[in-house]
PDB file of N, CA and C in Angstrom:
ATOM      1  N   MET A   1       0.818  -1.189  -0.191  1.00  0.00           N
ATOM      2  CA  MET A   1       0.172  -0.006  -0.031  1.00  0.00           C
ATOM      3  C   MET A   1       0.721   1.261   0.004  1.00  0.00           C
ATOM      4  N   PRO A   2       0.650   2.128  -1.024  1.00  0.00           N
ATOM      5  CA  PRO A   2       1.437   3.452  -1.121  1.00  0.00           C
ATOM      6  C   PRO A   2       1.272   4.089   0.209  1.00  0.00           C
ATOM      7  N   ASP A   3       2.438   4.760   0.690  1.00  0.00           N
ATOM      8  CA  ASP A   3       2.711   5.668   1.822  1.00  0.00           C
ATOM      9  C   ASP A   3       3.256   6.914   1.647  1.00  0.00           C
ATOM     10  N   ALA A   4       3.392   7.552   2.729  1.00  0.00           N
ATOM     11  CA  ALA A   4       4.236   8.885   2.590  1.00  0.00           C
ATOM     12  C   ALA A   4       5.827   8.737   2.091  1.00  0.00           C
ATOM     13  N   ALA A   5       6.438   7.620   2.484  1.00  0.00           N
ATOM     14  CA  ALA A   5       7.589   7.211   2.382  1.00  0.00           C
ATOM     15  C   ALA A   5       7.708   7.505   0.461  1.00  0.00           C
ATOM     16  N   ALA A   6       6.690   6.530  -0.044  1.00  0.00           N
ATOM     17  CA  ALA A   6       6.868   6.313  -1.528  1.00  0.00           C
ATOM     18  C   ALA A   6       6.704   7.499  -2.131  1.00  0.00           C
ATOM     19  N   VAL A   7       5.894   8.498  -1.615  1.00  0.00           N
ATOM     20  CA  VAL A   7       5.807   9.774  -2.166  1.00  0.00           C
ATOM     21  C   VAL A   7       7.249  10.785  -2.261  1.00  0.00           C
ATOM     22  N   LEU A   8       7.493  10.599  -0.998  1.00  0.00           N
ATOM     23  CA  LEU A   8       8.840  11.276  -0.768  1.00  0.00           C
ATOM     24  C   LEU A   8       9.874  10.631  -1.493  1.00  0.00           C
ATOM     25  N   SER A   9      10.055   9.494  -1.817  1.00  0.00           N
ATOM     26  CA  SER A   9      10.993   8.879  -2.654  1.00  0.00           C
ATOM     27  C   SER A   9      10.837   9.251  -3.953  1.00  0.00           C
ATOM     28  N   LEU A  10       9.732   9.339  -4.454  1.00  0.00           N
ATOM     29  CA  LEU A  10       9.222   9.943  -5.733  1.00  0.00           C
ATOM     30  C   LEU A  10       9.738  11.404  -6.019  1.00  0.00           C
ATOM     31  N   LEU A  11       9.535  12.186  -5.059  1.00  0.00           N
ATOM     32  CA  LEU A  11       9.942  13.548  -5.002  1.00  0.00           C
ATOM     33  C   LEU A  11      11.381  13.740  -5.103  1.00  0.00           C
ATOM     34  N   GLY A  12      12.234  12.913  -4.442  1.00  0.00           N
ATOM     35  CA  GLY A  12      13.863  12.713  -4.575  1.00  0.00           C
ATOM     36  C   GLY A  12      13.969  12.340  -5.964  1.00  0.00           C
ATOM     37  N   MET A  13      13.426  11.443  -6.615  1.00  0.00           N
ATOM     38  CA  MET A  13      13.755  10.811  -7.948  1.00  0.00           C
ATOM     39  C   MET A  13      13.510  12.195  -8.884  1.00  0.00           C
ATOM     40  N   ALA A  14      12.321  12.806  -8.433  1.00  0.00           N
ATOM     41  CA  ALA A  14      11.864  14.288  -9.726  1.00  0.00           C
ATOM     42  C   ALA A  14      13.217  15.185  -9.204  1.00  0.00           C
ATOM     43  N   ARG A  15      13.713  15.097  -8.459  1.00  0.00           N
ATOM     44  CA  ARG A  15      14.584  16.255  -8.124  1.00  0.00           C
ATOM     45  C   ARG A  15      16.162  15.877  -9.013  1.00  0.00           C
ATOM     46  N   ARG A  16      16.229  14.661  -8.589  1.00  0.00           N
ATOM     47  CA  ARG A  16      17.612  13.940  -9.406  1.00  0.00           C
ATOM     48  C   ARG A  16      17.217  14.236 -10.932  1.00  0.00           C
ATOM     49  N   ALA A  17      16.001  14.135 -11.248  1.00  0.00           N
ATOM     50  CA  ALA A  17      15.767  14.243 -12.713  1.00  0.00           C
ATOM     51  C   ALA A  17      15.646  15.607 -13.503  1.00  0.00           C
ATOM     52  N   ARG A  18      15.765  16.477 -12.075  1.00  0.00           N
ATOM     53  CA  ARG A  18      15.899  18.049 -12.494  1.00  0.00           C
ATOM     54  C   ARG A  18      14.364  18.396 -13.090  1.00  0.00           C
ATOM     55  N   VAL A  19      13.437  17.906 -12.442  1.00  0.00           N
ATOM     56  CA  VAL A  19      11.932  18.344 -12.800  1.00  0.00           C
ATOM     57  C   VAL A  19      11.019  18.783 -11.710  1.00  0.00           C
ATOM     58  N   ALA A  20      11.857  18.949 -10.487  1.00  0.00           N
ATOM     59  CA  ALA A  20      11.395  19.393  -9.055  1.00  0.00           C
ATOM     60  C   ALA A  20      11.927  20.870  -8.830  1.00  0.00           C
ATOM     61  N   ILE A  21      10.988  21.678  -8.919  1.00  0.00           N
ATOM     62  CA  ILE A  21      11.507  23.182  -8.397  1.00  0.00           C
ATOM     63  C   ILE A  21      11.328  23.522  -6.893  1.00  0.00           C
ATOM     64  N   ASP A  22      12.283  24.172  -6.043  1.00  0.00           N
ATOM     65  CA  ASP A  22      11.920  24.763  -4.971  1.00  0.00           C
ATOM     66  C   ASP A  22      12.190  26.035  -4.924  1.00  0.00           C
ATOM     67  N   GLY A  23      11.748  26.972  -3.936  1.00  0.00           N
ATOM     68  CA  GLY A  23      11.989  28.394  -3.666  1.00  0.00           C
ATOM     69  C   GLY A  23      10.552  28.988  -4.132  1.00  0.00           C
ATOM     70  N   GLN A  24      10.248  29.724  -3.623  1.00  0.00           N
ATOM     71  CA  GLN A  24       8.964  30.353  -3.604  1.00  0.00           C
ATOM     72  C   GLN A  24       8.805  31.182  -5.074  1.00  0.00           C
ATOM     73  N   ASP A  25       9.829  31.874  -5.051  1.00  0.00           N
ATOM     74  CA  ASP A  25      10.077  32.932  -6.563  1.00  0.00           C
ATOM     75  C   ASP A  25      10.087  32.143  -7.704  1.00  0.00           C
ATOM     76  N   ARG A  26      10.936  30.768  -7.781  1.00  0.00           N
ATOM     77  CA  ARG A  26      11.164  30.073  -8.737  1.00  0.00           C
ATOM     78  C   ARG A  26       9.803  29.370  -8.834  1.00  0.00           C
ATOM     79  N   ILE A  27       9.296  28.929  -8.005  1.00  0.00           N
ATOM     80  CA  ILE A  27       7.617  28.077  -8.274  1.00  0.00           C
ATOM     81  C   ILE A  27       6.736  29.137  -8.821  1.00  0.00           C
ATOM     82  N   LEU A  28       6.580  30.370  -8.226  1.00  0.00           N
ATOM     83  CA  LEU A  28       5.595  31.433  -8.918  1.00  0.00           C
ATOM     84  C   LEU A  28       5.948  31.537 -10.148  1.00  0.00           C
ATOM     85  N   ALA A  29       7.198  31.775 -10.538  1.00  0.00           N
ATOM     86  CA  ALA A  29       7.529  31.854 -11.952  1.00  0.00           C
ATOM     87  C   ALA A  29       7.291  30.759 -13.084  1.00  0.00           C
ATOM     88  N   ALA A  30       7.588  29.420 -12.269  1.00  0.00           N
ATOM     89  CA  ALA A  30       6.939  28.350 -13.017  1.00  0.00           C
ATOM     90  C   ALA A  30       5.378  28.253 -13.198  1.00  0.00           C
ATOM     91  N   ILE A  31       4.978  28.574 -12.190  1.00  0.00           N
ATOM     92  CA  ILE A  31       3.339  28.642 -12.380  1.00  0.00           C
ATOM     93  C   ILE A  31       2.653  29.476 -13.459  1.00  0.00           C
ATOM     94  N   SER A  32       3.290  30.770 -13.142  1.00  0.00           N
ATOM     95  CA  SER A  32       2.957  31.853 -14.350  1.00  0.00           C
ATOM     96  C   SER A  32       3.206  31.657 -15.611  1.00  0.00           C
ATOM     97  N   SER A  33       4.415  30.964 -15.930  1.00  0.00           N
ATOM     98  CA  SER A  33       4.854  30.406 -17.161  1.00  0.00           C
ATOM     99  C   SER A  33       3.974  29.392 -17.756  1.00  0.00           C
ATOM    100  N   ARG A  34       3.312  28.628 -16.841  1.00  0.00           N
ATOM    101  CA  ARG A  34       2.433  27.354 -17.244  1.00  0.00           C
ATOM    102  C   ARG A  34       3.622  26.340 -17.349  1.00  0.00           C
ATOM    103  N   GLN A  35       4.849  26.470 -16.661  1.00  0.00           N
ATOM    104  CA  GLN A  35       5.599  25.227 -16.749  1.00  0.00           C
ATOM    105  C   GLN A  35       5.217  24.056 -15.605  1.00  0.00           C
ATOM    106  N   ALA A  36       4.862  24.557 -14.645  1.00  0.00           N
ATOM    107  CA  ALA A  36       4.293  23.724 -13.300  1.00  0.00           C
ATOM    108  C   ALA A  36       3.347  23.166 -13.548  1.00  0.00           C
ATOM    109  N   LYS A  37       3.371  21.802 -13.508  1.00  0.00           N
ATOM    110  CA  LYS A  37       2.265  20.906 -13.616  1.00  0.00           C
ATOM    111  C   LYS A  37       1.466  20.346 -12.458  1.00  0.00           C
ATOM    112  N   LEU A  38       2.311  20.443 -11.238  1.00  0.00           N
ATOM    113  CA  LEU A  38       1.746  20.219 -10.031  1.00  0.00           C
ATOM    114  C   LEU A  38       2.525  20.986  -8.691  1.00  0.00           C
ATOM    115  N   VAL A  39       1.916  21.372  -7.943  1.00  0.00           N
ATOM    116  CA  VAL A  39       2.592  21.946  -6.766  1.00  0.00           C
ATOM    117  C   VAL A  39       2.181  21.420  -5.438  1.00  0.00           C
ATOM    118  N   ILE A  40       3.300  20.979  -4.503  1.00  0.00           N
ATOM    119  CA  ILE A  40       3.196  20.447  -3.276  1.00  0.00           C
ATOM    120  C   ILE A  40       3.393  21.477  -2.309  1.00  0.00           C
ATOM    121  N   VAL A  41       2.509  21.755  -1.298  1.00  0.00           N
ATOM    122  CA  VAL A  41       2.709  22.795  -0.374  1.00  0.00           C
ATOM    123  C   VAL A  41       2.887  22.062   0.948  1.00  0.00           C
ATOM    124  N   ALA A  42       3.788  22.219   1.868  1.00  0.00           N
ATOM    125  CA  ALA A  42       3.962  21.664   3.383  1.00  0.00           C
ATOM    126  C   ALA A  42       2.927  22.134   4.091  1.00  0.00           C
ATOM    127  N   VAL A  43       2.377  21.343   5.040  1.00  0.00           N
ATOM    128  CA  VAL A  43       1.088  21.711   5.995  1.00  0.00           C
ATOM    129  C   VAL A  43       1.638  22.603   6.820  1.00  0.00           C
ATOM    130  N   ASP A  44       2.933  22.809   6.897  1.00  0.00           N
ATOM    131  CA  ASP A  44       3.378  23.766   8.076  1.00  0.00           C
ATOM    132  C   ASP A  44       3.875  25.095   7.367  1.00  0.00           C
ATOM    133  N   ALA A  45       3.713  25.399   6.086  1.00  0.00           N
ATOM    134  CA  ALA A  45       4.322  26.506   5.126  1.00  0.00           C
ATOM    135  C   ALA A  45       3.444  27.645   5.805  1.00  0.00           C
ATOM    136  N   GLY A  46       4.522  28.716   5.804  1.00  0.00           N
ATOM    137  CA  GLY A  46       3.855  30.113   6.288  1.00  0.00           C
ATOM    138  C   GLY A  46       2.376  30.550   5.371  1.00  0.00           C
ATOM    139  N   LEU A  47       1.721  31.293   6.212  1.00  0.00           N
ATOM    140  CA  LEU A  47       0.401  31.676   5.684  1.00  0.00           C
ATOM    141  C   LEU A  47       0.587  32.554   4.375  1.00  0.00           C
ATOM    142  N   ASN A  48       1.381  33.449   4.444  1.00  0.00           N
ATOM    143  CA  ASN A  48       1.854  34.333   3.125  1.00  0.00           C
ATOM    144  C   ASN A  48       2.068  33.619   2.093  1.00  0.00           C
ATOM    145  N   GLY A  49       2.945  32.681   2.165  1.00  0.00           N
ATOM    146  CA  GLY A  49       3.721  31.931   1.030  1.00  0.00           C
ATOM    147  C   GLY A  49       2.568  30.951   0.648  1.00  0.00           C
ATOM    148  N   ARG A  50       1.732  30.316   1.446  1.00  0.00           N
ATOM    149  CA  ARG A  50       0.720  29.312   1.015  1.00  0.00           C
ATOM    150  C   ARG A  50      -0.250  30.226   0.271  1.00  0.00           C
ATOM    151  N   LYS A  51      -0.889  31.254   0.745  1.00  0.00           N
ATOM    152  CA  LYS A  51      -1.757  32.032   0.086  1.00  0.00           C
ATOM    153  C   LYS A  51      -1.307  32.326  -1.202  1.00  0.00           C
ATOM    154  N   LYS A  52      -0.111  32.900  -1.444  1.00  0.00           N
ATOM    155  CA  LYS A  52       0.286  33.208  -2.789  1.00  0.00           C
ATOM    156  C   LYS A  52       0.348  31.834  -3.779  1.00  0.00           C
ATOM    157  N   MET A  53       0.715  30.875  -3.258  1.00  0.00           N
ATOM    158  CA  MET A  53       0.745  29.678  -4.030  1.00  0.00           C
ATOM    159  C   MET A  53      -0.686  29.245  -4.390  1.00  0.00           C
ATOM    160  N   PHE A  54      -1.648  29.100  -3.335  1.00  0.00           N
ATOM    161  CA  PHE A  54      -2.978  28.875  -3.610  1.00  0.00           C
ATOM    162  C   PHE A  54      -3.739  29.611  -4.851  1.00  0.00           C
ATOM    163  N   ASP A  55      -3.416  31.149  -4.515  1.00  0.00           N
ATOM    164  CA  ASP A  55      -4.142  32.090  -5.439  1.00  0.00           C
ATOM    165  C   ASP A  55      -3.414  31.750  -6.821  1.00  0.00           C
ATOM    166  N   LYS A  56      -2.126  31.656  -6.851  1.00  0.00           N
ATOM    167  CA  LYS A  56      -1.644  31.612  -8.227  1.00  0.00           C
ATOM    168  C   LYS A  56      -1.881  30.459  -9.088  1.00  0.00           C
ATOM    169  N   THR A  57      -1.969  29.214  -8.291  1.00  0.00           N
ATOM    170  CA  THR A  57      -2.309  28.103  -8.916  1.00  0.00           C
ATOM    171  C   THR A  57      -3.878  28.012  -9.329  1.00  0.00           C
ATOM    172  N   SER A  58      -4.460  28.707  -8.531  1.00  0.00           N
ATOM    173  CA  SER A  58      -6.019  28.961  -8.723  1.00  0.00           C
ATOM    174  C   SER A  58      -6.284  29.718 -10.039  1.00  0.00           C
ATOM    175  N   TYR A  59      -5.576  30.701 -10.475  1.00  0.00           N
ATOM    176  CA  TYR A  59      -5.631  31.399 -11.433  1.00  0.00           C
ATOM    177  C   TYR A  59      -5.052  30.839 -12.549  1.00  0.00           C
ATOM    178  N   TYR A  60      -4.178  30.037 -12.528  1.00  0.00           N
ATOM    179  CA  TYR A  60      -3.433  29.362 -13.673  1.00  0.00           C
ATOM    180  C   TYR A  60      -3.839  28.003 -13.890  1.00  0.00           C
ATOM    181  N   ARG A  61      -4.827  27.649 -12.973  1.00  0.00           N
ATOM    182  CA  ARG A  61      -5.692  26.212 -12.997  1.00  0.00           C
ATOM    183  C   ARG A  61      -4.209  25.219 -12.987  1.00  0.00           C
ATOM    184  N   VAL A  62      -3.527  25.298 -11.934  1.00  0.00           N
ATOM    185  CA  VAL A  62      -2.559  24.225 -11.796  1.00  0.00           C
ATOM    186  C   VAL A  62      -2.856  23.426 -10.623  1.00  0.00           C
ATOM    187  N   PRO A  63      -2.655  22.121 -10.371  1.00  0.00           N
ATOM    188  CA  PRO A  63      -2.929  21.236  -9.449  1.00  0.00           C
ATOM    189  C   PRO A  63      -2.180  21.822  -8.216  1.00  0.00           C
ATOM    190  N   ILE A  64      -2.832  21.716  -7.157  1.00  0.00           N
ATOM    191  CA  ILE A  64      -1.918  21.774  -5.731  1.00  0.00           C
ATOM    192  C   ILE A  64      -2.411  21.147  -4.957  1.00  0.00           C
ATOM    193  N   VAL A  65      -1.816  20.627  -4.083  1.00  0.00           N
ATOM    194  CA  VAL A  65      -2.182  19.798  -2.683  1.00  0.00           C
ATOM    195  C   VAL A  65      -1.163  19.910  -1.454  1.00  0.00           C
ATOM    196  N   GLU A  66      -1.559  19.781  -0.259  1.00  0.00           N
ATOM    197  CA  GLU A  66      -0.860  19.951   0.808  1.00  0.00           C
ATOM    198  C   GLU A  66      -0.373  18.619   1.164  1.00  0.00           C
ATOM    199  N   PHE A  67       0.984  18.579   1.439  1.00  0.00           N
ATOM    200  CA  PHE A  67       1.332  17.011   1.807  1.00  0.00           C
ATOM    201  C   PHE A  67       2.839  17.107   2.455  1.00  0.00           C
ATOM    202  N   GLY A  68       2.814  16.407   3.784  1.00  0.00           N
ATOM    203  CA  GLY A  68       3.914  16.472   4.502  1.00  0.00           C
ATOM    204  C   GLY A  68       4.158  17.899   5.036  1.00  0.00           C
ATOM    205  N   ASP A  69       5.554  17.939   5.859  1.00  0.00           N
ATOM    206  CA  ASP A  69       5.763  19.124   6.481  1.00  0.00           C
ATOM    207  C   ASP A  69       7.345  19.666   5.726  1.00  0.00           C
ATOM    208  N   LYS A  70       7.501  20.864   6.173  1.00  0.00           N
ATOM    209  CA  LYS A  70       8.746  21.445   5.436  1.00  0.00           C
ATOM    210  C   LYS A  70       9.852  20.686   5.691  1.00  0.00           C
ATOM    211  N   ALA A  71      10.188  19.884   6.868  1.00  0.00           N
ATOM    212  CA  ALA A  71      11.486  18.880   7.086  1.00  0.00           C
ATOM    213  C   ALA A  71      11.531  17.870   5.960  1.00  0.00           C
ATOM    214  N   GLU A  72      10.163  17.183   6.271  1.00  0.00           N
ATOM    215  CA  GLU A  72      10.049  16.092   5.222  1.00  0.00           C
ATOM    216  C   GLU A  72      10.030  16.400   3.627  1.00  0.00           C
ATOM    217  N   LEU A  73       9.634  17.340   3.322  1.00  0.00           N
ATOM    218  CA  LEU A  73       9.800  17.712   1.889  1.00  0.00           C
ATOM    219  C   LEU A  73      11.022  18.284   1.446  1.00  0.00           C
ATOM    220  N   GLY A  74      11.855  18.956   2.507  1.00  0.00           N
ATOM    221  CA  GLY A  74      13.057  19.386   2.235  1.00  0.00           C
ATOM    222  C   GLY A  74      14.220  18.125   2.143  1.00  0.00           C
ATOM    223  N   LYS A  75      13.929  17.063   3.091  1.00  0.00           N
ATOM    224  CA  LYS A  75      14.621  15.977   3.097  1.00  0.00           C
ATOM    225  C   LYS A  75      14.336  15.282   1.802  1.00  0.00           C
ATOM    226  N   ALA A  76      13.472  15.244   1.501  1.00  0.00           N
ATOM    227  CA  ALA A  76      13.187  14.271   0.176  1.00  0.00           C
ATOM    228  C   ALA A  76      13.997  15.060  -1.256  1.00  0.00           C
ATOM    229  N   ILE A  77      14.141  16.277  -1.071  1.00  0.00           N
ATOM    230  CA  ILE A  77      14.912  16.790  -2.406  1.00  0.00           C
ATOM    231  C   ILE A  77      16.275  17.160  -1.995  1.00  0.00           C
ATOM    232  N   GLY A  78      16.862  16.768  -0.726  1.00  0.00           N
ATOM    233  CA  GLY A  78      18.132  17.014  -0.281  1.00  0.00           C
ATOM    234  C   GLY A  78      18.452  18.690   0.185  1.00  0.00           C
ATOM    235  N   ARG A  79      17.457  19.171   0.894  1.00  0.00           N
ATOM    236  CA  ARG A  79      17.555  20.309   1.521  1.00  0.00           C
ATOM    237  C   ARG A  79      17.205  20.293   2.998  1.00  0.00           C
ATOM    238  N   ARG A  80      17.435  21.427   3.728  1.00  0.00           N
ATOM    239  CA  ARG A  80      17.001  21.321   5.141  1.00  0.00           C
ATOM    240  C   ARG A  80      15.537  21.306   5.221  1.00  0.00           C
ATOM    241  N   GLU A  81      14.972  22.308   4.358  1.00  0.00           N
ATOM    242  CA  GLU A  81      13.535  22.494   4.570  1.00  0.00           C
ATOM    243  C   GLU A  81      12.980  23.033   2.964  1.00  0.00           C
ATOM    244  N   ALA A  82      11.862  22.584   2.624  1.00  0.00           N
ATOM    245  CA  ALA A  82      11.019  23.007   1.567  1.00  0.00           C
ATOM    246  C   ALA A  82       9.580  23.307   1.891  1.00  0.00           C
ATOM    247  N   ALA A  83       9.338  24.536   1.982  1.00  0.00           N
ATOM    248  CA  ALA A  83       7.695  24.899   2.096  1.00  0.00           C
ATOM    249  C   ALA A  83       7.009  24.500   0.884  1.00  0.00           C
ATOM    250  N   ALA A  84       7.448  24.285  -0.336  1.00  0.00           N
ATOM    251  CA  ALA A  84       6.721  24.001  -1.565  1.00  0.00           C
ATOM    252  C   ALA A  84       7.781  23.387  -2.482  1.00  0.00           C
ATOM    253  N   ILE A  85       7.144  22.684  -3.317  1.00  0.00           N
ATOM    254  CA  ILE A  85       7.763  22.114  -4.416  1.00  0.00           C
ATOM    255  C   ILE A  85       6.891  22.082  -5.707  1.00  0.00           C
ATOM    256  N   ALA A  86       7.621  22.457  -7.000  1.00  0.00           N
ATOM    257  CA  ALA A  86       6.670  22.253  -8.066  1.00  0.00           C
ATOM    258  C   ALA A  86       7.411  21.294  -8.938  1.00  0.00           C
ATOM    259  N   ILE A  87       6.278  20.526  -9.604  1.00  0.00           N
ATOM    260  CA  ILE A  87       7.093  19.471 -10.668  1.00  0.00           C
ATOM    261  C   ILE A  87       6.754  19.942 -12.009  1.00  0.00           C
ATOM    262  N   VAL A  88       7.634  19.982 -12.878  1.00  0.00           N
ATOM    263  CA  VAL A  88       7.575  20.856 -14.203  1.00  0.00           C
ATOM    264  C   VAL A  88       7.486  19.611 -15.345  1.00  0.00           C
ATOM    265  N   GLU A  89       7.170  18.125 -15.075  1.00  0.00           N
ATOM    266  CA  GLU A  89       7.150  17.393 -16.005  1.00  0.00           C
ATOM    267  C   GLU A  89       5.758  16.528 -15.944  1.00  0.00           C
ATOM    268  N   ASP A  90       5.135  16.153 -16.960  1.00  0.00           N
ATOM    269  CA  ASP A  90       3.815  15.367 -17.021  1.00  0.00           C
ATOM    270  C   ASP A  90       3.819  14.097 -16.229  1.00  0.00           C
ATOM    271  N   GLY A  91       4.826  13.276 -16.671  1.00  0.00           N
ATOM    272  CA  GLY A  91       4.942  12.072 -15.977  1.00  0.00           C
ATOM    273  C   GLY A  91       5.161  11.777 -14.610  1.00  0.00           C
ATOM    274  N   PHE A  92       6.204  12.575 -14.082  1.00  0.00           N
ATOM    275  CA  PHE A  92       6.229  12.850 -12.671  1.00  0.00           C
ATOM    276  C   PHE A  92       4.847  13.226 -11.992  1.00  0.00           C
ATOM    277  N   ALA A  93       4.412  14.505 -12.585  1.00  0.00           N
ATOM    278  CA  ALA A  93       3.233  14.994 -11.917  1.00  0.00           C
ATOM    279  C   ALA A  93       1.885  13.948 -11.849  1.00  0.00           C
ATOM    280  N   SER A  94       1.574  13.445 -12.875  1.00  0.00           N
ATOM    281  CA  SER A  94       0.755  12.269 -12.787  1.00  0.00           C
ATOM    282  C   SER A  94       1.051  11.375 -11.730  1.00  0.00           C
ATOM    283  N   LYS A  95       2.308  10.799 -11.803  1.00  0.00           N
ATOM    284  CA  LYS A  95       2.482   9.679 -10.743  1.00  0.00           C
ATOM    285  C   LYS A  95       2.331  10.244  -9.219  1.00  0.00           C
ATOM    286  N   LEU A  96       3.067  11.525  -9.102  1.00  0.00           N
ATOM    287  CA  LEU A  96       2.660  12.049  -7.920  1.00  0.00           C
ATOM    288  C   LEU A  96       1.223  12.344  -7.446  1.00  0.00           C
ATOM    289  N   ARG A  97       0.600  13.037  -8.200  1.00  0.00           N
ATOM    290  CA  ARG A  97      -0.923  13.094  -8.116  1.00  0.00           C
ATOM    291  C   ARG A  97      -1.437  11.666  -7.709  1.00  0.00           C
ATOM    292  N   SER A  98      -1.169  10.596  -8.401  1.00  0.00           N
ATOM    293  CA  SER A  98      -1.783   9.228  -7.968  1.00  0.00           C
ATOM    294  C   SER A  98      -1.411   8.859  -6.623  1.00  0.00           C
ATOM    295  N   ARG A  99      -0.020   8.898  -6.288  1.00  0.00           N
ATOM    296  CA  ARG A  99       0.389   8.393  -5.083  1.00  0.00           C
ATOM    297  C   ARG A  99      -0.200   9.378  -3.943  1.00  0.00           C
ATOM    298  N   ILE A 100      -0.067  10.520  -3.878  1.00  0.00           N
ATOM    299  CA  ILE A 100      -0.571  11.580  -2.924  1.00  0.00           C
ATOM    300  C   ILE A 100      -2.113  11.222  -2.723  1.00  0.00           C
ATOM    301  N   GLY A 101      -2.700  10.938  -3.987  1.00  0.00           N
ATOM    302  CA  GLY A 101      -4.376  10.721  -4.093  1.00  0.00           C
ATOM    303  C   GLY A 101      -4.622   9.202  -2.882  1.00  0.00           C
ATOM    304  N   GLU A 102      -3.765   8.245  -3.380  1.00  0.00           N
ATOM    305  CA  GLU A 102      -3.892   7.119  -2.759  1.00  0.00           C
ATOM    306  C   GLU A 102      -3.351   7.194  -1.229  1.00  0.00           C
ATOM    307  N   THR A 103      -2.465   7.883  -0.864  1.00  0.00           N
ATOM    308  CA  THR A 103      -2.030   8.088   0.632  1.00  0.00           C
ATOM    309  C   THR A 103      -2.845   8.812   1.238  1.00  0.00           C
ATOM    310  N   LEU A 104      -3.452   9.993   0.789  1.00  0.00           N
ATOM    311  CA  LEU A 104      -4.315  10.921   1.402  1.00  0.00           C
ATOM    312  C   LEU A 104      -5.837  10.579   1.299  1.00  0.00           C
ATOM    313  N   GLY A 105      -6.102   9.839   0.278  1.00  0.00           N
ATOM    314  CA  GLY A 105      -7.536   9.563   0.241  1.00  0.00           C
ATOM    315  C   GLY A 105      -7.964  10.289  -0.968  1.00  0.00           C
ATOM    316  N   GLY A 106      -9.080   9.882  -1.572  1.00  0.00           N
ATOM    317  CA  GLY A 106      -9.792  10.163  -2.892  1.00  0.00           C
ATOM    318  C   GLY A 106      -9.903  11.729  -2.765  1.00  0.00           C
ATOM    319  N   GLY A 107     -10.116  12.361  -1.912  1.00  0.00           N
ATOM    320  CA  GLY A 107     -10.279  13.788  -1.811  1.00  0.00           C
ATOM    321  C   GLY A 107      -9.325  14.959  -1.748  1.00  0.00           C
ATOM    322  N   ALA A 108      -7.892  14.213  -1.771  1.00  0.00           N
ATOM    323  CA  ALA A 108      -6.741  14.973  -1.888  1.00  0.00           C
ATOM    324  C   ALA A 108      -6.814  16.084  -2.950  1.00  0.00           C
ATOM    325  N   PHE A 109      -7.452  15.708  -4.016  1.00  0.00           N
ATOM    326  CA  PHE A 109      -7.468  16.544  -5.265  1.00  0.00           C
ATOM    327  C   PHE A 109      -8.818  17.138  -5.737  1.00  0.00           C
ATOM    328  N   ASP A 110      -9.886  16.910  -4.644  1.00  0.00           N
ATOM    329  CA  ASP A 110     -11.039  17.416  -4.928  1.00  0.00           C
ATOM    330  C   ASP A 110     -11.091  18.846  -5.562  1.00  0.00           C
ATOM    331  N   GLU A 111     -12.112  18.835  -6.643  1.00  0.00           N
ATOM    332  CA  GLU A 111     -12.127  20.286  -7.480  1.00  0.00           C
ATOM    333  C   GLU A 111     -12.457  21.319  -6.226  1.00  0.00           C
ATOM    334  N   ASN A 112     -13.367  20.881  -5.479  1.00  0.00           N
ATOM    335  CA  ASN A 112     -13.742  21.998  -4.454  1.00  0.00           C
ATOM    336  C   ASN A 112     -12.958  22.360  -3.347  1.00  0.00           C
ATOM    337  N   SER A 113     -12.022  21.509  -3.156  1.00  0.00           N
ATOM    338  CA  SER A 113     -11.019  21.855  -1.857  1.00  0.00           C
ATOM    339  C   SER A 113      -9.716  22.568  -2.253  1.00  0.00           C
ATOM    340  N   SER A 114      -8.765  21.774  -2.663  1.00  0.00           N
ATOM    341  CA  SER A 114      -7.416  22.289  -2.911  1.00  0.00           C
ATOM    342  C   SER A 114      -7.123  22.400  -4.247  1.00  0.00           C
ATOM    343  N   VAL A 115      -7.943  22.220  -5.267  1.00  0.00           N
ATOM    344  CA  VAL A 115      -7.365  22.343  -6.879  1.00  0.00           C
ATOM    345  C   VAL A 115      -7.972  23.449  -7.303  1.00  0.00           C
TER     346      VAL A 115
END
């Protein structure tokens, strides 16, 4: 059964494949340029940054989900912390959406909640 470790491992692979972006400014630029296919925000991310991510992804219709905390996301991509990560490749984004959906339950990407 898929779990958080599988999602975090997949994030690490995405980072090594250079299709994962971290850093608020870089993520917002990727969303605006329509490169971002999925944005993952840590549950303990700051309110201002979180609002920017949700507003920008809503406007550009990019899927967004809350998953893990900053330490977990950071460790997955080789950093101390990461408040958010954007995936810029369709294959990884699709696989991550599937894994996160299985881990968090069917409503993780519900149209009325986080997308």
